[in-house]
Amino acid sequence: MRKIYLGVLALYMGILASHAQTKDQPVKDTTNYQSRKLTLDEVNFVSAYYHQNGNNSAVTGGIGTENLTDFANTLDVQLSKLTNNGHKNTYLFELGVDHYTSASSDKIDPNSISSASRQDTRVYPSLNWTNSNVNTGNAFGFSGSYSHEFDYQSFGGGFNLTRLSADKNTQFDFKLQAFLDTWKVILPVELRPPGYGSGSNKDSRPVDYKPRNSFSTSFSLSQVINTRFQALFVVEPSYQKGLLATEYQRDYFTDGSERIEHLPESRYKLPVGVRLNYFIDDRFIIRTFYRYYMDNWGIRAHTAEIEVPIKFTSFVSVSPYYRYNNQEGTRYFTPYGQHSPTAIYYTSDYDLSTMHSNFIGANIRLSPPNGVFGIQQLNSLELRYGHYMRSTGLNSDIVTLALKFK
């Protein structure tokens, strides 16, 4: 039920690792291969606190509080095992748990003391298996995921493929993902048909359930141009089908009428991105990214990002970053009370409006050779802060902590 801007929660750290162990009496084959046991490589942990404020809630037709807080935590465990044919099987299990409170969701039924959607906890485990050739670097794998929240549940599956050139300077990656979701259709209290429930677990009255299926692909090509310059090009087309409107969000019309949000039941998206990294010297790196986005709802967007990691010592670095986004909104959007009564599709969700935004922050990373705080296995610690400012008046802050033992 949330609209949370957690783009900076893409920190990948770890917590626990152990060395590969061999059998007491290794069994050798004709290639002199030594079989290995299943090894714990690392356990990653990321914890983030997010808070936003604004005054354009889509729940109340584009006006009203957007106050929201989210406390998100993910923990993943990575294990691996070498096979007799020189391949490596990697198993990655991840468990995510988010808890949020949303003042705007409470307006679905403002007559209640606190509606069931006022706060909720989302749980989302996933499992990934990858088989890679140790010598060539080529790999393929499969993934599965599950997510559950107050008003929906989701099952996901994916496939990934990696191919490297002989000199390993060129890499091609392909990903395919599908998410099959079921949404509980919660309606604003004043727009519910007679006998229609609130969606609360304590309410025995029936509610509708509708599907929303999402399919995405990713094609990326990375190239080491020289010892200082690297480039990556990525295309990520996707398609959604099903309930794409959020039906507890209200829309108001010029004739004074009120309806639930109504949007097309299919959507095509096409983001295209380019990433360029330049290594100035041992202390400075310039990382840049540009993405163009378009979809069949009429949204067009440009995103530009720069990050400059600065290494003060071999184990202390700071990375300031900045991101700018400019978006042309969907043709279905108008502000509060400005929809035409003859419109077929309509929304007052400012996420889909014409706007621009700025995101600025910094990341501090510690990775001393003897471990963080003298703890040998605590390989690194990262602390990241970001502040988001949108032209619609929405502002947010996010603080992220990541640890790695290895």
Protein backbone atom coordinates (compact mmCIF):
# COMPACT_ATOMS: atom_id res chain seq x y z
CA MET A 1 0.00 0.00 0.00
CA ARG A 2 2.98 2.25 0.22
CA LYS A 3 4.68 4.61 -2.15
CA ILE A 4 8.21 4.67 -0.76
CA TYR A 5 11.24 6.12 -2.48
CA LEU A 6 14.01 3.75 -1.42
CA GLY A 7 16.31 4.10 -4.38
CA VAL A 8 19.38 4.46 -2.18
CA LEU A 9 18.69 1.16 -0.42
CA ALA A 10 20.92 -0.53 -2.97
CA LEU A 11 23.82 -1.04 -0.60
CA TYR A 12 25.24 -4.52 -0.73
CA MET A 13 27.18 -5.52 2.36
CA GLY A 14 27.70 -8.66 4.39
CA ILE A 15 27.99 -9.91 7.96
CA LEU A 16 29.51 -13.38 8.31
CA ALA A 17 31.92 -15.47 6.26
CA SER A 18 34.13 -18.52 6.70
CA HIS A 19 36.99 -20.05 4.72
CA ALA A 20 36.32 -22.94 2.35
CA GLN A 21 37.03 -26.30 3.96
CA THR A 22 38.46 -29.36 2.30
CA LYS A 23 37.83 -32.94 3.27
CA ASP A 24 40.34 -34.63 5.53
CA GLN A 25 41.30 -36.96 2.68
CA PRO A 26 40.59 -35.16 -0.61
CA VAL A 27 39.47 -37.36 -3.46
CA LYS A 28 41.27 -36.40 -6.64
CA ASP A 29 39.95 -36.89 -10.14
CA THR A 30 41.90 -36.82 -13.42
CA THR A 31 42.03 -33.00 -13.28
CA ASN A 32 43.54 -33.04 -9.74
CA TYR A 33 40.35 -31.37 -8.47
CA GLN A 34 39.83 -31.31 -4.70
CA SER A 35 36.17 -31.57 -3.73
CA ARG A 36 34.91 -29.00 -1.22
CA LYS A 37 32.13 -28.83 1.29
CA LEU A 38 29.27 -26.36 1.19
CA THR A 39 30.83 -23.13 2.48
CA LEU A 40 29.32 -20.11 4.15
CA ASP A 41 30.64 -17.15 2.15
CA GLU A 42 28.91 -14.20 3.76
CA VAL A 43 25.74 -12.96 5.43
CA ASN A 44 24.57 -9.51 4.39
CA PHE A 45 22.57 -7.14 6.56
CA VAL A 46 21.09 -3.75 5.66
CA SER A 47 18.86 -1.63 7.90
CA ALA A 48 17.24 1.62 6.80
CA TYR A 49 14.93 4.22 8.30
CA TYR A 50 12.85 6.33 5.92
CA HIS A 51 10.57 9.30 6.65
CA GLN A 52 8.61 11.53 4.27
CA ASN A 53 6.33 14.56 4.47
CA GLY A 54 4.12 16.15 1.84
CA ASN A 55 0.62 17.47 1.18
CA ASN A 56 -0.57 15.72 -1.99
CA SER A 57 -1.96 12.40 -0.80
CA ALA A 58 -3.60 10.41 -3.58
CA VAL A 59 -5.83 8.71 -0.98
CA THR A 60 -7.72 11.98 -0.52
CA GLY A 61 -7.67 13.06 -4.16
CA GLY A 62 -4.30 14.82 -4.35
CA ILE A 63 -4.55 16.86 -1.16
CA GLY A 64 -3.77 16.03 2.46
CA THR A 65 -0.89 14.56 4.40
CA GLU A 66 1.66 12.20 2.88
CA ASN A 67 3.39 11.57 6.21
CA LEU A 68 4.95 8.12 6.19
CA THR A 69 7.71 6.26 8.02
CA ASP A 70 9.29 2.95 7.10
CA PHE A 71 11.81 0.78 8.93
CA ALA A 72 13.29 -1.75 6.48
CA ASN A 73 15.68 -4.61 7.24
CA THR A 74 17.18 -7.26 4.98
CA LEU A 75 19.39 -10.20 5.87
CA ASP A 76 20.89 -12.51 3.28
CA VAL A 77 23.04 -15.61 3.60
CA GLN A 78 25.34 -16.69 0.77
CA LEU A 79 26.77 -20.20 0.53
CA SER A 80 28.77 -21.87 -2.22
CA LYS A 81 30.18 -25.21 -3.28
CA LEU A 82 32.63 -26.20 -6.01
CA THR A 83 31.73 -29.14 -8.23
CA ASN A 84 33.92 -31.80 -9.84
CA ASN A 85 33.69 -30.14 -13.26
CA GLY A 86 35.14 -26.80 -12.11
CA HIS A 87 31.84 -25.01 -11.60
CA LYS A 88 30.70 -23.09 -8.54
CA ASN A 89 27.17 -23.29 -7.16
CA THR A 90 26.14 -20.22 -5.17
CA TYR A 91 23.04 -20.16 -2.99
CA LEU A 92 21.69 -16.83 -1.76
CA PHE A 93 18.83 -16.69 0.73
CA GLU A 94 17.41 -13.28 1.61
CA LEU A 95 14.80 -12.29 4.16
CA GLY A 96 13.33 -8.80 4.25
CA VAL A 97 11.04 -7.33 6.89
CA ASP A 98 9.61 -3.81 6.60
CA HIS A 99 7.32 -2.02 9.03
CA TYR A 100 5.60 1.21 8.04
CA THR A 101 3.05 3.70 9.27
CA SER A 102 1.08 5.83 6.81
CA ALA A 103 -1.13 8.75 7.81
CA SER A 104 -2.62 9.00 4.31
CA SER A 105 -3.75 5.36 4.30
CA ASP A 106 -5.67 6.07 7.49
CA LYS A 107 -7.89 8.39 5.43
CA ILE A 108 -9.43 5.43 3.58
CA ASP A 109 -11.95 5.42 6.43
CA PRO A 110 -11.54 8.72 8.33
CA ASN A 111 -14.46 7.83 10.61
CA SER A 112 -12.50 4.99 12.18
CA ILE A 113 -10.08 5.52 15.04
CA SER A 114 -7.36 3.90 12.96
CA SER A 115 -7.97 1.87 9.84
CA ALA A 116 -6.29 -1.49 9.28
CA SER A 117 -4.03 0.05 6.65
CA ARG A 118 -2.67 2.71 9.03
CA GLN A 119 0.36 0.50 9.65
CA ASP A 120 1.57 -2.84 8.43
CA THR A 121 4.51 -5.20 8.20
CA ARG A 122 5.77 -6.67 4.94
CA VAL A 123 7.74 -9.91 4.88
CA TYR A 124 9.57 -10.97 1.70
CA PRO A 125 11.90 -13.99 1.55
CA SER A 126 13.73 -14.98 -1.65
CA LEU A 127 16.13 -17.68 -2.82
CA ASN A 128 18.63 -17.53 -5.68
CA TRP A 129 20.82 -20.26 -7.16
CA THR A 130 23.65 -19.48 -9.59
CA ASN A 131 25.98 -21.87 -11.39
CA SER A 132 29.20 -20.24 -12.61
CA ASN A 133 32.26 -21.49 -14.47
CA VAL A 134 35.27 -20.63 -12.33
CA ASN A 135 37.59 -20.32 -15.35
CA THR A 136 35.43 -18.42 -17.84
CA GLY A 137 33.15 -16.48 -15.49
CA ASN A 138 30.06 -17.52 -17.46
CA ALA A 139 27.04 -18.17 -15.26
CA PHE A 140 23.32 -18.82 -15.14
CA GLY A 141 20.82 -19.10 -12.33
CA PHE A 142 17.25 -19.10 -11.09
CA SER A 143 15.45 -17.23 -8.30
CA GLY A 144 12.19 -17.43 -6.41
CA SER A 145 10.54 -14.96 -4.07
CA TYR A 146 7.46 -14.35 -1.95
CA SER A 147 6.05 -11.17 -0.43
CA HIS A 148 3.11 -10.59 1.87
CA GLU A 149 1.50 -7.42 3.14
CA PHE A 150 -1.89 -6.37 4.49
CA ASP A 151 -3.55 -6.00 1.10
CA TYR A 152 -1.53 -8.24 -1.25
CA GLN A 153 0.64 -11.28 -1.71
CA SER A 154 3.17 -11.90 -4.46
CA PHE A 155 5.00 -14.88 -5.94
CA GLY A 156 8.06 -14.21 -8.06
CA GLY A 157 10.45 -16.16 -10.23
CA GLY A 158 13.46 -15.28 -12.34
CA PHE A 159 16.28 -16.43 -14.58
CA ASN A 160 19.69 -14.80 -15.06
CA LEU A 161 22.50 -15.39 -17.54
CA THR A 162 26.06 -13.98 -17.69
CA ARG A 163 28.55 -14.31 -20.53
CA LEU A 164 32.12 -12.94 -20.57
CA SER A 165 34.53 -12.49 -23.43
CA ALA A 166 37.76 -14.51 -23.51
CA ASP A 167 39.76 -11.57 -22.14
CA LYS A 168 36.96 -10.83 -19.59
CA ASN A 169 36.80 -7.18 -20.63
CA THR A 170 33.30 -7.51 -22.05
CA GLN A 171 30.32 -8.86 -20.12
CA PHE A 172 26.73 -9.49 -21.18
CA ASP A 173 23.97 -10.02 -18.60
CA PHE A 174 20.39 -11.07 -19.19
CA LYS A 175 17.65 -11.25 -16.56
CA LEU A 176 14.04 -12.36 -16.80
CA GLN A 177 11.58 -11.89 -13.92
CA ALA A 178 7.89 -12.47 -13.31
CA PHE A 179 5.75 -11.46 -10.33
CA LEU A 180 2.24 -12.83 -9.93
CA ASP A 181 0.38 -10.69 -7.41
CA THR A 182 -3.07 -10.82 -5.84
CA TRP A 183 -4.48 -7.58 -4.45
CA LYS A 184 -7.26 -7.14 -1.93
CA VAL A 185 -9.50 -4.43 -3.37
CA ILE A 186 -9.99 -1.90 -0.57
CA LEU A 187 -12.35 1.00 -1.34
CA PRO A 188 -12.86 4.40 0.32
CA VAL A 189 -15.56 4.07 2.96
CA GLU A 190 -18.05 6.36 1.19
CA LEU A 191 -17.70 4.55 -2.16
CA ARG A 192 -18.25 0.98 -0.95
CA PRO A 193 -21.30 -0.86 -2.31
CA PRO A 194 -23.83 -2.06 0.27
CA GLY A 195 -22.41 -5.05 2.16
CA TYR A 196 -18.84 -4.49 0.90
CA GLY A 197 -16.21 -5.01 3.60
CA SER A 198 -13.44 -2.77 4.84
CA GLY A 199 -10.74 -5.37 4.20
CA SER A 200 -9.88 -5.64 7.88
CA ASN A 201 -9.24 -9.11 9.26
CA LYS A 202 -11.92 -8.38 11.86
CA ASP A 203 -14.50 -7.60 9.17
CA SER A 204 -16.29 -10.69 7.84
CA ARG A 205 -17.98 -8.86 4.97
CA PRO A 206 -16.63 -9.87 1.53
CA VAL A 207 -14.17 -7.88 -0.58
CA ASP A 208 -12.88 -8.42 -4.13
CA TYR A 209 -9.46 -9.81 -5.02
CA LYS A 210 -7.81 -8.94 -8.33
CA PRO A 211 -4.54 -9.98 -10.03
CA ARG A 212 -1.61 -7.81 -11.04
CA ASN A 213 1.09 -9.60 -13.01
CA SER A 214 4.43 -8.03 -13.88
CA PHE A 215 7.02 -9.30 -16.37
CA SER A 216 10.41 -7.67 -16.86
CA THR A 217 13.64 -8.28 -18.71
CA SER A 218 17.07 -6.70 -18.49
CA PHE A 219 19.80 -6.66 -21.13
CA SER A 220 23.12 -5.12 -20.12
CA LEU A 221 26.50 -4.89 -21.81
CA SER A 222 29.54 -3.73 -19.85
CA GLN A 223 32.93 -2.96 -21.35
CA VAL A 224 36.35 -2.24 -19.88
CA ILE A 225 37.61 0.41 -22.30
CA ASN A 226 40.98 0.86 -20.63
CA THR A 227 42.54 0.66 -17.16
CA ARG A 228 40.73 3.84 -16.10
CA PHE A 229 37.46 3.85 -18.01
CA GLN A 230 34.50 1.44 -17.84
CA ALA A 231 31.08 1.68 -19.47
CA LEU A 232 27.75 -0.12 -19.17
CA PHE A 233 24.64 0.04 -21.33
CA VAL A 234 21.33 -1.39 -20.09
CA VAL A 235 17.79 -1.80 -21.47
CA GLU A 236 15.00 -2.98 -19.14
CA PRO A 237 11.64 -3.41 -20.89
CA SER A 238 8.70 -4.56 -18.76
CA TYR A 239 4.98 -5.22 -19.00
CA GLN A 240 2.19 -5.19 -16.39
CA LYS A 241 -1.31 -6.59 -16.64
CA GLY A 242 -4.20 -6.52 -14.18
CA LEU A 243 -5.24 -4.11 -11.45
CA LEU A 244 -2.86 -1.18 -11.95
CA ALA A 245 -5.06 1.44 -10.29
CA THR A 246 -5.06 1.84 -6.52
CA GLU A 247 -8.77 1.72 -5.85
CA TYR A 248 -8.72 3.18 -2.35
CA GLN A 249 -7.44 6.44 -3.91
CA ARG A 250 -10.12 9.03 -4.62
CA ASP A 251 -10.56 11.32 -7.63
CA TYR A 252 -12.73 14.45 -7.71
CA PHE A 253 -14.36 15.95 -10.81
CA THR A 254 -15.37 19.38 -12.03
CA ASP A 255 -19.06 18.55 -11.53
CA GLY A 256 -18.46 17.82 -7.85
CA SER A 257 -18.64 14.03 -8.19
CA GLU A 258 -16.21 11.57 -6.62
CA ARG A 259 -14.91 8.22 -7.93
CA ILE A 260 -12.20 5.67 -7.23
CA GLU A 261 -8.99 5.89 -9.26
CA HIS A 262 -9.29 4.25 -12.69
CA LEU A 263 -6.29 3.47 -14.91
CA PRO A 264 -5.66 1.12 -17.87
CA GLU A 265 -5.17 -2.54 -16.99
CA SER A 266 -1.96 -2.85 -19.00
CA ARG A 267 1.28 -0.89 -19.05
CA TYR A 268 4.50 -1.09 -21.06
CA LYS A 269 7.69 0.45 -19.67
CA LEU A 270 11.01 1.03 -21.41
CA PRO A 271 13.97 2.40 -19.41
CA VAL A 272 17.33 2.78 -21.17
CA GLY A 273 20.45 3.60 -19.17
CA VAL A 274 24.18 4.29 -19.53
CA ARG A 275 26.72 4.07 -16.69
CA LEU A 276 30.26 5.48 -17.03
CA ASN A 277 32.97 5.01 -14.40
CA TYR A 278 36.31 6.79 -14.56
CA PHE A 279 39.19 6.02 -12.18
CA ILE A 280 41.19 9.22 -11.80
CA ASP A 281 43.79 7.65 -9.50
CA ASP A 282 43.96 5.44 -6.43
CA ARG A 283 41.95 7.95 -4.40
CA PHE A 284 39.24 9.30 -6.72
CA ILE A 285 36.58 7.65 -8.87
CA ILE A 286 33.87 9.39 -10.87
CA ARG A 287 30.70 7.32 -11.30
CA THR A 288 27.96 8.68 -13.55
CA PHE A 289 24.60 7.31 -14.67
CA TYR A 290 21.91 8.48 -17.07
CA ARG A 291 18.50 6.89 -17.71
CA TYR A 292 15.67 7.69 -20.09
CA TYR A 293 12.22 6.29 -19.27
CA MET A 294 9.03 6.04 -21.30
CA ASP A 295 5.75 4.13 -21.07
CA ASN A 296 2.43 3.89 -22.90
CA TRP A 297 0.69 6.03 -20.27
CA GLY A 298 2.55 9.04 -21.64
CA ILE A 299 5.21 9.36 -18.93
CA ARG A 300 8.66 10.47 -20.06
CA ALA A 301 11.53 10.96 -17.64
CA HIS A 302 15.24 11.79 -17.57
CA THR A 303 17.45 10.83 -14.62
CA ALA A 304 21.09 11.85 -14.17
CA GLU A 305 23.29 10.77 -11.26
CA ILE A 306 26.88 11.34 -10.16
CA GLU A 307 28.84 9.82 -7.29
CA VAL A 308 32.46 10.57 -6.42
CA PRO A 309 34.04 8.08 -3.99
CA ILE A 310 37.05 9.61 -2.25
CA LYS A 311 39.47 7.21 -0.55
CA PHE A 312 41.23 8.95 2.35
CA THR A 313 43.15 5.82 3.32
CA SER A 314 43.14 2.23 2.14
CA PHE A 315 40.23 1.53 4.50
CA VAL A 316 38.29 4.82 4.86
CA SER A 317 36.28 6.38 2.02
CA VAL A 318 33.49 8.92 1.59
CA SER A 319 31.17 9.00 -1.43
CA PRO A 320 29.03 12.12 -1.95
CA TYR A 321 26.33 11.69 -4.59
CA TYR A 322 23.61 13.66 -6.37
CA ARG A 323 20.66 12.62 -8.54
CA TYR A 324 18.32 14.76 -10.63
CA ASN A 325 15.06 13.59 -12.19
CA ASN A 326 12.74 15.41 -14.56
CA GLN A 327 9.40 13.78 -15.39
CA GLU A 328 6.61 14.54 -17.83
CA GLY A 329 3.45 13.15 -16.24
CA THR A 330 0.81 10.79 -17.57
CA ARG A 331 -2.07 12.09 -19.62
CA TYR A 332 -4.46 10.68 -17.01
CA PHE A 333 -3.31 12.99 -14.21
CA THR A 334 -5.00 16.17 -13.01
CA PRO A 335 -4.94 17.83 -9.57
CA TYR A 336 -7.76 17.77 -7.03
CA GLY A 337 -11.20 18.53 -8.46
CA GLN A 338 -10.06 19.09 -12.05
CA HIS A 339 -10.98 15.80 -13.75
CA SER A 340 -13.52 15.94 -16.57
CA PRO A 341 -16.69 13.91 -15.86
CA THR A 342 -16.30 12.31 -19.32
CA ALA A 343 -12.75 11.04 -18.67
CA ILE A 344 -12.29 7.29 -18.99
CA TYR A 345 -9.05 7.07 -17.02
CA TYR A 346 -8.10 9.39 -14.17
CA THR A 347 -5.70 9.75 -11.26
CA SER A 348 -4.57 12.46 -8.85
CA ASP A 349 -1.50 10.53 -7.75
CA TYR A 350 1.41 12.99 -7.88
CA ASP A 351 3.86 10.14 -8.46
CA LEU A 352 2.43 10.14 -12.00
CA SER A 353 2.45 13.94 -12.45
CA THR A 354 4.83 16.32 -14.18
CA MET A 355 7.58 17.15 -11.70
CA HIS A 356 11.28 17.32 -11.02
CA SER A 357 13.26 16.13 -8.01
CA ASN A 358 16.69 16.33 -6.39
CA PHE A 359 18.35 13.71 -4.23
CA ILE A 360 21.60 14.43 -2.40
CA GLY A 361 23.60 12.57 0.20
CA ALA A 362 26.81 10.79 1.12
CA ASN A 363 28.12 7.37 2.05
CA ILE A 364 30.89 6.63 4.57
CA ARG A 365 32.67 3.27 4.38
CA LEU A 366 35.10 1.75 6.87
CA SER A 367 37.02 -1.43 6.03
CA PRO A 368 40.20 -1.63 8.19
CA PRO A 369 42.46 -4.67 7.67
CA ASN A 370 42.07 -5.76 11.31
CA GLY A 371 38.29 -5.43 11.26
CA VAL A 372 35.95 -2.59 12.21
CA PHE A 373 36.27 -1.66 15.91
CA GLY A 374 39.04 -4.28 16.15
CA ILE A 375 36.62 -7.12 15.42
CA GLN A 376 38.51 -9.29 12.95
CA GLN A 377 35.46 -10.71 11.20
CA LEU A 378 33.66 -7.37 10.91
CA ASN A 379 35.01 -6.66 7.44
CA SER A 380 33.29 -3.34 6.72
CA LEU A 381 30.71 -0.83 7.89
CA GLU A 382 28.78 1.64 5.74
CA LEU A 383 26.56 4.50 6.78
CA ARG A 384 24.55 6.32 4.13
CA TYR A 385 22.28 9.38 4.33
CA GLY A 386 20.12 10.89 1.62
CA HIS A 387 17.68 13.81 1.37
CA TYR A 388 15.01 13.88 -1.34
CA MET A 389 13.24 17.06 -2.53
CA ARG A 390 10.40 17.05 -5.07
CA SER A 391 8.83 20.01 -6.83
CA THR A 392 5.37 18.91 -5.61
CA GLY A 393 6.44 19.64 -2.01
CA LEU A 394 7.29 16.08 -0.98
CA ASN A 395 10.47 15.79 1.09
CA SER A 396 12.04 12.70 2.59
CA ASP A 397 15.11 11.48 4.46
CA ILE A 398 16.67 8.04 4.59
CA VAL A 399 19.47 6.66 6.77
CA THR A 400 20.98 3.29 5.90
CA LEU A 401 23.38 1.13 7.89
CA ALA A 402 25.17 -1.86 6.34
CA LEU A 403 27.60 -4.31 7.96
CA LYS A 404 29.82 -7.05 6.62
CA PHE A 405 31.67 -9.84 8.38
CA LYS A 406 34.14 -11.81 6.31
